C-alpha atoms as a PDB file:
ATOM      1  CA  MET A   1     -23.798  18.892  -7.751  1.00  0.00           C
ATOM      2  CA  LEU A   2     -21.098  20.603  -5.723  1.00  0.00           C
ATOM      3  CA  ASP A   3     -21.031  24.336  -5.215  1.00  0.00           C
ATOM      4  CA  PRO A   4     -18.287  25.949  -7.365  1.00  0.00           C
ATOM      5  CA  GLU A   5     -16.167  27.053  -4.407  1.00  0.00           C
ATOM      6  CA  LEU A   6     -15.919  23.558  -2.929  1.00  0.00           C
ATOM      7  CA  LYS A   7     -15.336  22.073  -6.360  1.00  0.00           C
ATOM      8  CA  ARG A   8     -12.402  24.420  -7.011  1.00  0.00           C
ATOM      9  CA  ALA A   9     -10.903  23.638  -3.606  1.00  0.00           C
ATOM     10  CA  LEU A  10     -11.100  19.911  -4.243  1.00  0.00           C
ATOM     11  CA  ALA A  11      -9.591  20.316  -7.712  1.00  0.00           C
ATOM     12  CA  GLU A  12      -6.660  22.226  -6.235  1.00  0.00           C
ATOM     13  CA  ARG A  13      -6.162  19.494  -3.657  1.00  0.00           C
ATOM     14  CA  VAL A  14      -6.077  16.871  -6.420  1.00  0.00           C
ATOM     15  CA  ARG A  15      -3.479  18.920  -8.336  1.00  0.00           C
ATOM     16  CA  TYR A  16      -1.394  19.239  -5.168  1.00  0.00           C
ATOM     17  CA  TYR A  17      -1.275  15.473  -4.662  1.00  0.00           C
ATOM     18  CA  ASN A  18      -0.558  14.917  -8.365  1.00  0.00           C
ATOM     19  CA  GLU A  19       2.483  17.146  -8.019  1.00  0.00           C
ATOM     20  CA  LEU A  20       3.659  14.854  -5.205  1.00  0.00           C
ATOM     21  CA  GLY A  21       3.284  11.905  -7.540  1.00  0.00           C
ATOM     22  CA  ILE A  22       0.123  10.607  -5.859  1.00  0.00           C
ATOM     23  CA  TYR A  23      -2.675   9.736  -8.251  1.00  0.00           C
ATOM     24  CA  ASP A  24      -4.750   7.092  -6.453  1.00  0.00           C
ATOM     25  CA  PHE A  25      -7.536   8.350  -4.185  1.00  0.00           C
ATOM     26  CA  TYR A  26     -10.146   6.610  -2.072  1.00  0.00           C
ATOM     27  CA  ARG A  27     -13.443   7.941  -0.762  1.00  0.00           C
ATOM     28  CA  ARG A  28     -14.952   6.807   2.528  1.00  0.00           C
ATOM     29  CA  GLU A  29     -18.716   6.481   2.451  1.00  0.00           C
ATOM     30  CA  PRO A  30     -20.678   8.202   5.266  1.00  0.00           C
ATOM     31  CA  THR A  31     -22.239   6.091   7.975  1.00  0.00           C
ATOM     32  CA  GLU A  32     -24.937   6.781  10.555  1.00  0.00           C
ATOM     33  CA  ALA A  33     -22.267   6.773  13.244  1.00  0.00           C
ATOM     34  CA  SER A  34     -20.510   9.653  11.524  1.00  0.00           C
ATOM     35  CA  LEU A  35     -23.505  11.977  11.856  1.00  0.00           C
ATOM     36  CA  ASP A  36     -23.589  13.987  15.046  1.00  0.00           C
ATOM     37  CA  THR A  37     -27.154  15.265  15.072  1.00  0.00           C
ATOM     38  CA  ARG A  38     -30.519  14.631  13.458  1.00  0.00           C
ATOM     39  CA  GLN A  39     -30.243  18.075  11.933  1.00  0.00           C
ATOM     40  CA  ASP A  40     -27.012  17.064  10.229  1.00  0.00           C
ATOM     41  CA  ALA A  41     -28.610  13.867   8.973  1.00  0.00           C
ATOM     42  CA  ALA A  42     -31.515  15.812   7.488  1.00  0.00           C
ATOM     43  CA  ILE A  43     -29.116  18.149   5.717  1.00  0.00           C
ATOM     44  CA  LEU A  44     -27.165  15.266   4.245  1.00  0.00           C
ATOM     45  CA  GLU A  45     -30.341  13.620   2.948  1.00  0.00           C
ATOM     46  CA  ASN A  46     -30.798  16.657   0.725  1.00  0.00           C
ATOM     47  CA  PRO A  47     -28.830  15.972  -2.478  1.00  0.00           C
ATOM     48  CA  THR A  48     -28.136  19.679  -2.955  1.00  0.00           C
ATOM     49  CA  VAL A  49     -26.457  20.792   0.251  1.00  0.00           C
ATOM     50  CA  GLN A  50     -25.988  24.551   0.138  1.00  0.00           C
ATOM     51  CA  PRO A  51     -22.932  26.303   1.625  1.00  0.00           C
ATOM     52  CA  GLU A  52     -24.981  28.074   4.292  1.00  0.00           C
ATOM     53  CA  GLN A  53     -26.456  24.725   5.355  1.00  0.00           C
ATOM     54  CA  ARG A  54     -23.017  23.130   5.533  1.00  0.00           C
ATOM     55  CA  ASP A  55     -21.895  25.895   7.892  1.00  0.00           C
ATOM     56  CA  LEU A  56     -24.493  24.667  10.393  1.00  0.00           C
ATOM     57  CA  MET A  57     -23.029  21.166  10.467  1.00  0.00           C
ATOM     58  CA  THR A  58     -20.437  19.826  12.868  1.00  0.00           C
ATOM     59  CA  PRO A  59     -16.923  19.113  11.522  1.00  0.00           C
ATOM     60  CA  ARG A  60     -17.401  15.342  11.655  1.00  0.00           C
ATOM     61  CA  SER A  61     -20.561  15.517   9.617  1.00  0.00           C
ATOM     62  CA  LYS A  62     -18.996  17.839   7.068  1.00  0.00           C
ATOM     63  CA  ALA A  63     -16.318  15.210   6.529  1.00  0.00           C
ATOM     64  CA  ALA A  64     -18.987  12.558   6.009  1.00  0.00           C
ATOM     65  CA  ILE A  65     -20.568  14.231   2.967  1.00  0.00           C
ATOM     66  CA  ALA A  66     -20.474  11.773   0.089  1.00  0.00           C
ATOM     67  CA  VAL A  67     -18.866  13.702  -2.748  1.00  0.00           C
ATOM     68  CA  PRO A  68     -19.602  12.351  -6.241  1.00  0.00           C
ATOM     69  CA  VAL A  69     -16.345  11.040  -7.675  1.00  0.00           C
ATOM     70  CA  GLU A  70     -17.132  12.345 -11.154  1.00  0.00           C
ATOM     71  CA  ASP A  71     -17.497  15.863  -9.745  1.00  0.00           C
ATOM     72  CA  VAL A  72     -14.313  15.824  -7.683  1.00  0.00           C
ATOM     73  CA  PHE A  73     -12.156  14.462 -10.461  1.00  0.00           C
ATOM     74  CA  GLU A  74     -13.388  16.567 -13.318  1.00  0.00           C
ATOM     75  CA  VAL A  75      -9.778  17.705 -13.311  1.00  0.00           C
ATOM     76  CA  SER A  76      -7.845  14.790 -14.781  1.00  0.00           C
ATOM     77  CA  ASN A  77      -5.731  12.928 -12.254  1.00  0.00           C
ATOM     78  CA  ALA A  78      -4.536  10.223 -14.619  1.00  0.00           C
ATOM     79  CA  LYS A  79      -0.852   9.361 -14.327  1.00  0.00           C
ATOM     80  CA  PRO A  80       1.158  10.493 -17.356  1.00  0.00           C
ATOM     81  CA  GLU A  81       2.093   6.863 -18.027  1.00  0.00           C
ATOM     82  CA  SER A  82      -1.477   5.564 -17.767  1.00  0.00           C
ATOM     83  CA  GLY A  83      -2.350   3.403 -20.749  1.00  0.00           C
ATOM     84  CA  VAL A  84       1.290   3.176 -21.877  1.00  0.00           C
ATOM     85  CA  VAL A  85       2.185  -0.459 -22.529  1.00  0.00           C
ATOM     86  CA  ASP A  86       5.897  -0.031 -23.255  1.00  0.00           C
ATOM     87  CA  PRO A  87       7.760   0.107 -19.896  1.00  0.00           C
ATOM     88  CA  VAL A  88      10.615   2.071 -21.487  1.00  0.00           C
ATOM     89  CA  GLN A  89       8.244   4.866 -22.416  1.00  0.00           C
ATOM     90  CA  ALA A  90       6.380   4.588 -19.102  1.00  0.00           C
ATOM     91  CA  LEU A  91       9.593   5.020 -17.100  1.00  0.00           C
ATOM     92  CA  ARG A  92      10.551   7.996 -19.257  1.00  0.00           C
ATOM     93  CA  LEU A  93       7.199   9.648 -18.534  1.00  0.00           C
ATOM     94  CA  ILE A  94       7.563   8.986 -14.786  1.00  0.00           C
ATOM     95  CA  ARG A  95      11.040  10.522 -14.855  1.00  0.00           C
ATOM     96  CA  GLU A  96       9.702  13.576 -16.684  1.00  0.00           C
ATOM     97  CA  ASP A  97       6.893  13.882 -14.132  1.00  0.00           C
ATOM     98  CA  LEU A  98       9.436  13.730 -11.305  1.00  0.00           C
ATOM     99  CA  GLY A  99      11.349  16.598 -12.908  1.00  0.00           C
ATOM    100  CA  ASP A 100      14.014  18.430 -10.911  1.00  0.00           C
ATOM    101  CA  CYS A 101      12.168  17.441  -7.773  1.00  0.00           C
ATOM    102  CA  THR A 102      11.898  19.899  -4.887  1.00  0.00           C
ATOM    103  CA  ARG A 103       9.070  18.104  -3.046  1.00  0.00           C
ATOM    104  CA  CYS A 104      11.024  17.496   0.159  1.00  0.00           C
ATOM    105  CA  ARG A 105      13.849  19.091   2.141  1.00  0.00           C
ATOM    106  CA  LEU A 106      16.544  16.951   0.503  1.00  0.00           C
ATOM    107  CA  SER A 107      16.457  19.162  -2.574  1.00  0.00           C
ATOM    108  CA  LYS A 108      17.896  21.953  -0.413  1.00  0.00           C
ATOM    109  CA  GLN A 109      20.347  19.868   1.615  1.00  0.00           C
ATOM    110  CA  GLY A 110      23.194  19.416  -0.824  1.00  0.00           C
ATOM    111  CA  ARG A 111      22.038  16.756  -3.263  1.00  0.00           C
ATOM    112  CA  LYS A 112      23.716  17.153  -6.662  1.00  0.00           C
ATOM    113  CA  GLN A 113      21.149  15.288  -8.736  1.00  0.00           C
ATOM    114  CA  ILE A 114      18.234  12.897  -8.678  1.00  0.00           C
ATOM    115  CA  VAL A 115      19.097   9.193  -8.840  1.00  0.00           C
ATOM    116  CA  PHE A 116      16.105   7.682 -10.620  1.00  0.00           C
ATOM    117  CA  GLY A 117      16.919   4.036 -11.326  1.00  0.00           C
ATOM    118  CA  VAL A 118      18.797   1.916 -13.812  1.00  0.00           C
ATOM    119  CA  GLY A 119      18.539  -1.409 -15.595  1.00  0.00           C
ATOM    120  CA  ASN A 120      16.209  -3.441 -17.745  1.00  0.00           C
ATOM    121  CA  PRO A 121      12.728  -1.885 -17.933  1.00  0.00           C
ATOM    122  CA  LYS A 122      11.361  -5.391 -18.560  1.00  0.00           C
ATOM    123  CA  ALA A 123      13.317  -7.033 -15.753  1.00  0.00           C
ATOM    124  CA  GLU A 124      11.884 -10.019 -13.914  1.00  0.00           C
ATOM    125  CA  LEU A 125      13.949  -9.105 -10.851  1.00  0.00           C
ATOM    126  CA  MET A 126      14.166  -5.724  -9.144  1.00  0.00           C
ATOM    127  CA  PHE A 127      16.495  -4.656  -6.330  1.00  0.00           C
ATOM    128  CA  ILE A 128      15.462  -1.766  -4.087  1.00  0.00           C
ATOM    129  CA  GLY A 129      17.887  -0.133  -1.696  1.00  0.00           C
ATOM    130  CA  GLU A 130      17.652   2.704   0.790  1.00  0.00           C
ATOM    131  CA  ALA A 131      19.063   5.919  -0.666  1.00  0.00           C
ATOM    132  CA  PRO A 132      21.865   7.183  -2.913  1.00  0.00           C
ATOM    133  CA  GLY A 133      25.294   7.725  -1.421  1.00  0.00           C
ATOM    134  CA  ALA A 134      28.063  10.107  -2.434  1.00  0.00           C
ATOM    135  CA  ASP A 135      29.130   8.139  -5.523  1.00  0.00           C
ATOM    136  CA  GLU A 136      25.553   7.696  -6.642  1.00  0.00           C
ATOM    137  CA  ASP A 137      24.815  11.384  -6.141  1.00  0.00           C
ATOM    138  CA  GLN A 138      27.875  12.211  -8.228  1.00  0.00           C
ATOM    139  CA  GLN A 139      27.109   9.825 -11.102  1.00  0.00           C
ATOM    140  CA  GLY A 140      23.308   9.867 -11.020  1.00  0.00           C
ATOM    141  CA  GLU A 141      23.044   6.076 -10.914  1.00  0.00           C
ATOM    142  CA  PRO A 142      22.172   3.798  -7.975  1.00  0.00           C
ATOM    143  CA  PHE A 143      24.719   1.405  -6.474  1.00  0.00           C
ATOM    144  CA  VAL A 144      27.916   2.488  -8.222  1.00  0.00           C
ATOM    145  CA  GLY A 145      30.206   2.789  -5.182  1.00  0.00           C
ATOM    146  CA  ARG A 146      31.739  -0.001  -3.098  1.00  0.00           C
ATOM    147  CA  ALA A 147      28.316  -1.297  -2.094  1.00  0.00           C
ATOM    148  CA  GLY A 148      27.333  -1.228  -5.757  1.00  0.00           C
ATOM    149  CA  GLN A 149      30.344  -3.301  -6.717  1.00  0.00           C
ATOM    150  CA  LEU A 150      29.337  -5.891  -4.151  1.00  0.00           C
ATOM    151  CA  LEU A 151      25.758  -5.850  -5.455  1.00  0.00           C
ATOM    152  CA  ASN A 152      27.140  -6.445  -8.949  1.00  0.00           C
ATOM    153  CA  ASN A 153      28.979  -9.504  -7.593  1.00  0.00           C
ATOM    154  CA  MET A 154      25.780 -10.741  -5.962  1.00  0.00           C
ATOM    155  CA  ILE A 155      23.901 -10.364  -9.241  1.00  0.00           C
ATOM    156  CA  LYS A 156      26.714 -12.101 -11.119  1.00  0.00           C
ATOM    157  CA  ALA A 157      26.664 -14.975  -8.611  1.00  0.00           C
ATOM    158  CA  MET A 158      23.008 -15.487  -9.530  1.00  0.00           C
ATOM    159  CA  GLY A 159      24.006 -15.961 -13.155  1.00  0.00           C
ATOM    160  CA  LEU A 160      22.730 -12.530 -14.190  1.00  0.00           C
ATOM    161  CA  ARG A 161      24.216  -9.242 -15.334  1.00  0.00           C
ATOM    162  CA  ARG A 162      23.496  -5.819 -13.885  1.00  0.00           C
ATOM    163  CA  GLU A 163      21.808  -4.997 -17.201  1.00  0.00           C
ATOM    164  CA  ASP A 164      19.345  -7.870 -16.685  1.00  0.00           C
ATOM    165  CA  VAL A 165      17.790  -6.476 -13.503  1.00  0.00           C
ATOM    166  CA  TYR A 166      16.390  -3.109 -12.440  1.00  0.00           C
ATOM    167  CA  ILE A 167      17.903  -1.236  -9.506  1.00  0.00           C
ATOM    168  CA  ALA A 168      16.366   1.663  -7.574  1.00  0.00           C
ATOM    169  CA  ASN A 169      16.126   3.152  -4.089  1.00  0.00           C
ATOM    170  CA  ILE A 170      13.319   4.134  -1.731  1.00  0.00           C
ATOM    171  CA  ILE A 171      14.308   7.780  -2.112  1.00  0.00           C
ATOM    172  CA  LYS A 172      16.042   9.389  -5.064  1.00  0.00           C
ATOM    173  CA  CYS A 173      18.185  12.054  -3.382  1.00  0.00           C
ATOM    174  CA  ARG A 174      21.201  11.608  -1.139  1.00  0.00           C
ATOM    175  CA  PRO A 175      20.495  12.494   2.514  1.00  0.00           C
ATOM    176  CA  PRO A 176      23.213  14.723   4.002  1.00  0.00           C
ATOM    177  CA  GLY A 177      26.014  12.694   5.501  1.00  0.00           C
ATOM    178  CA  ASN A 178      24.347   9.505   4.208  1.00  0.00           C
ATOM    179  CA  ARG A 179      21.983   9.592   7.173  1.00  0.00           C
ATOM    180  CA  THR A 180      18.928   7.319   7.274  1.00  0.00           C
ATOM    181  CA  PRO A 181      16.011   8.813   5.302  1.00  0.00           C
ATOM    182  CA  GLU A 182      13.303  10.411   7.411  1.00  0.00           C
ATOM    183  CA  ARG A 183       9.788   9.011   7.287  1.00  0.00           C
ATOM    184  CA  ASP A 184       8.303  12.039   5.532  1.00  0.00           C
ATOM    185  CA  GLU A 185      11.056  11.905   2.908  1.00  0.00           C
ATOM    186  CA  CYS A 186      10.227   8.278   2.173  1.00  0.00           C
ATOM    187  CA  GLU A 187       6.514   9.028   2.017  1.00  0.00           C
ATOM    188  CA  THR A 188       7.064  11.909  -0.388  1.00  0.00           C
ATOM    189  CA  CYS A 189       9.392  10.031  -2.732  1.00  0.00           C
ATOM    190  CA  SER A 190       8.086   6.445  -2.638  1.00  0.00           C
ATOM    191  CA  PRO A 191       4.990   7.081  -4.829  1.00  0.00           C
ATOM    192  CA  PHE A 192       7.364   7.495  -7.782  1.00  0.00           C
ATOM    193  CA  LEU A 193       9.033   4.193  -6.899  1.00  0.00           C
ATOM    194  CA  MET A 194       5.606   2.531  -6.781  1.00  0.00           C
ATOM    195  CA  ARG A 195       4.942   3.817 -10.288  1.00  0.00           C
ATOM    196  CA  GLN A 196       8.304   2.460 -11.465  1.00  0.00           C
ATOM    197  CA  ILE A 197       7.423  -0.945 -10.053  1.00  0.00           C
ATOM    198  CA  ALA A 198       4.015  -0.843 -11.738  1.00  0.00           C
ATOM    199  CA  ALA A 199       5.631   0.012 -15.074  1.00  0.00           C
ATOM    200  CA  ILE A 200       8.285  -2.715 -14.870  1.00  0.00           C
ATOM    201  CA  GLU A 201       6.032  -5.413 -13.380  1.00  0.00           C
ATOM    202  CA  PRO A 202       8.882  -7.575 -12.021  1.00  0.00           C
ATOM    203  CA  LYS A 203       8.184 -11.128 -10.980  1.00  0.00           C
ATOM    204  CA  ALA A 204      10.192 -10.639  -7.796  1.00  0.00           C
ATOM    205  CA  ILE A 205      11.565  -7.758  -5.738  1.00  0.00           C
ATOM    206  CA  VAL A 206      14.508  -7.922  -3.354  1.00  0.00           C
ATOM    207  CA  ALA A 207      14.493  -5.247  -0.647  1.00  0.00           C
ATOM    208  CA  LEU A 208      18.055  -4.500   0.407  1.00  0.00           C
ATOM    209  CA  GLY A 209      18.206  -3.707   4.103  1.00  0.00           C
ATOM    210  CA  ALA A 210      15.789  -2.870   6.882  1.00  0.00           C
ATOM    211  CA  VAL A 211      14.870   0.645   5.719  1.00  0.00           C
ATOM    212  CA  ALA A 212      13.746  -0.589   2.303  1.00  0.00           C
ATOM    213  CA  ALA A 213      11.862  -3.505   3.840  1.00  0.00           C
ATOM    214  CA  LYS A 214      10.090  -1.414   6.489  1.00  0.00           C
ATOM    215  CA  THR A 215       9.096   1.266   4.003  1.00  0.00           C
ATOM    216  CA  LEU A 216       7.778  -1.096   1.341  1.00  0.00           C
ATOM    217  CA  LEU A 217       5.969  -3.442   3.709  1.00  0.00           C
ATOM    218  CA  ALA A 218       4.952  -0.899   6.366  1.00  0.00           C
ATOM    219  CA  ILE A 219       6.144  -3.356   9.000  1.00  0.00           C
ATOM    220  CA  ASN A 220       8.469  -2.384  11.849  1.00  0.00           C
ATOM    221  CA  ALA A 221      10.424  -5.561  12.460  1.00  0.00           C
ATOM    222  CA  PRO A 222      14.050  -6.714  12.768  1.00  0.00           C
ATOM    223  CA  MET A 223      15.847  -8.265   9.805  1.00  0.00           C
ATOM    224  CA  SER A 224      15.537 -11.693  11.407  1.00  0.00           C
ATOM    225  CA  GLU A 225      11.772 -11.538  10.896  1.00  0.00           C
ATOM    226  CA  PHE A 226      12.024 -10.255   7.316  1.00  0.00           C
ATOM    227  CA  ARG A 227      14.532 -12.731   5.925  1.00  0.00           C
ATOM    228  CA  GLY A 228      13.879 -16.233   4.677  1.00  0.00           C
ATOM    229  CA  ARG A 229      10.261 -15.704   3.619  1.00  0.00           C
ATOM    230  CA  TRP A 230       8.183 -14.205   0.851  1.00  0.00           C
ATOM    231  CA  PHE A 231       5.885 -11.220   1.230  1.00  0.00           C
ATOM    232  CA  ASP A 232       3.098 -10.249  -1.110  1.00  0.00           C
ATOM    233  CA  PHE A 233       3.686  -6.706  -2.331  1.00  0.00           C
ATOM    234  CA  ARG A 234       0.953  -5.392  -4.604  1.00  0.00           C
ATOM    235  CA  GLY A 235       0.696  -8.747  -6.317  1.00  0.00           C
ATOM    236  CA  THR A 236       4.470  -9.164  -6.615  1.00  0.00           C
ATOM    237  CA  LYS A 237       6.601 -11.427  -4.440  1.00  0.00           C
ATOM    238  CA  LEU A 238       9.077  -9.578  -2.262  1.00  0.00           C
ATOM    239  CA  ALA A 239      12.065 -10.966  -0.386  1.00  0.00           C
ATOM    240  CA  VAL A 240      14.389  -9.176   2.026  1.00  0.00           C
ATOM    241  CA  THR A 241      18.130  -9.527   2.438  1.00  0.00           C
ATOM    242  CA  TYR A 242      21.027  -7.541   3.858  1.00  0.00           C
ATOM    243  CA  HIS A 243      22.104  -4.283   2.242  1.00  0.00           C
ATOM    244  CA  PRO A 244      25.505  -4.571   0.502  1.00  0.00           C
ATOM    245  CA  ALA A 245      26.829  -1.682   2.627  1.00  0.00           C
ATOM    246  CA  PHE A 246      26.078  -3.769   5.729  1.00  0.00           C
ATOM    247  CA  LEU A 247      27.881  -6.750   4.188  1.00  0.00           C
ATOM    248  CA  LEU A 248      30.978  -4.592   3.710  1.00  0.00           C
ATOM    249  CA  ARG A 249      30.930  -3.940   7.454  1.00  0.00           C
ATOM    250  CA  ASP A 250      30.103  -7.541   8.386  1.00  0.00           C
ATOM    251  CA  PRO A 251      31.280  -9.966   5.652  1.00  0.00           C
ATOM    252  CA  ARG A 252      30.189 -12.923   7.806  1.00  0.00           C
ATOM    253  CA  GLN A 253      26.618 -12.320   6.668  1.00  0.00           C
ATOM    254  CA  LYS A 254      27.448 -12.938   2.998  1.00  0.00           C
ATOM    255  CA  LYS A 255      26.576 -16.624   3.391  1.00  0.00           C
ATOM    256  CA  GLU A 256      23.166 -15.719   4.780  1.00  0.00           C
ATOM    257  CA  THR A 257      22.625 -13.297   1.917  1.00  0.00           C
ATOM    258  CA  TRP A 258      23.478 -16.024  -0.576  1.00  0.00           C
ATOM    259  CA  LYS A 259      20.763 -18.178   0.993  1.00  0.00           C
ATOM    260  CA  ASP A 260      18.275 -15.356   0.427  1.00  0.00           C
ATOM    261  CA  LEU A 261      19.337 -15.003  -3.192  1.00  0.00           C
ATOM    262  CA  GLN A 262      19.018 -18.736  -3.748  1.00  0.00           C
ATOM    263  CA  MET A 263      15.436 -18.519  -2.514  1.00  0.00           C
ATOM    264  CA  VAL A 264      14.819 -15.815  -5.116  1.00  0.00           C
ATOM    265  CA  MET A 265      16.464 -17.827  -7.864  1.00  0.00           C
ATOM    266  CA  LYS A 266      14.345 -20.856  -7.040  1.00  0.00           C
ATOM    267  CA  GLU A 267      11.184 -18.754  -7.255  1.00  0.00           C
ATOM    268  CA  LEU A 268      12.237 -17.433 -10.669  1.00  0.00           C
ATOM    269  CA  GLY A 269      13.090 -20.916 -11.932  1.00  0.00           C
ATOM    270  CA  MET A 270      16.782 -20.134 -12.250  1.00  0.00           C
ATOM    271  CA  ALA A 271      19.581 -22.666 -12.004  1.00  0.00           C
ATOM    272  CA  ILE A 272      21.500 -22.299  -8.747  1.00  0.00           C
ATOM    273  CA  PRO A 273      25.308 -22.271  -9.163  1.00  0.00           C
ATOM    274  CA  ALA A 274      27.300 -24.545  -6.916  1.00  0.00           C
ATOM    275  CA  LYS A 275      29.043 -21.604  -5.289  1.00  0.00           C
ATOM    276  CA  GLY A 276      28.117 -17.958  -4.852  1.00  0.00           C
ATOM    277  CA  ALA A 277      30.439 -15.013  -5.378  1.00  0.00           C
ATOM    278  CA  GLU A 278      32.559 -13.914  -2.468  1.00  0.00           C
END
């Protein structure tokens, strides 16, 4: 059993990560290589390590103590949506858990509201962009500006409606000046996106642009290496194409984007129209 002081500290750490939207934890087992001295090894062999004994150990060996999972997680760390079958209810619970989020600096840098996501909670296809822009921040819905209108045309060209798919972003608050999201902002916000994906269980995901692709896949590569292939993302197939905002700046790439969407349609067993939307 753990001493009460350590147990309380671990419980507080679990609560802290829960507040960030992180609920999955992993424990690394100790190895002989992680023990610095024979004295440390002898201490660890004792199932009831006392605080005064732990103080004698080196930092590396302290970190190697195998903490019983049932003791650490006596405080419940179950996601609010755990066990909920209905994706509509699950998404509602995730949104409630997100609250009026102040977990990163963006909450203090001029965002008007959180842009959670929109669409069919049972969608087979999910589009994930980078971050909300000014129009999205104003209306509280992703992809409603000029880039959103183009995305609507792309979805329509596939023979679908906006209401048939689910649309979200890597982060849920507008960065000031529409700058690229910082890494720590993505890391803080993306756990909620992962929970949205888990609730919806789409058959395919389309990452719109390099930021979305790099964040989801944890791969630093140019768009040329992302496009035209499928990636496995937590058991779901993920494809990458250009962000609609980029297509507004370089319309020549619309044909390449249509090729990417055709690949997605083929995977989903959809009929491919003779001509895509302009």
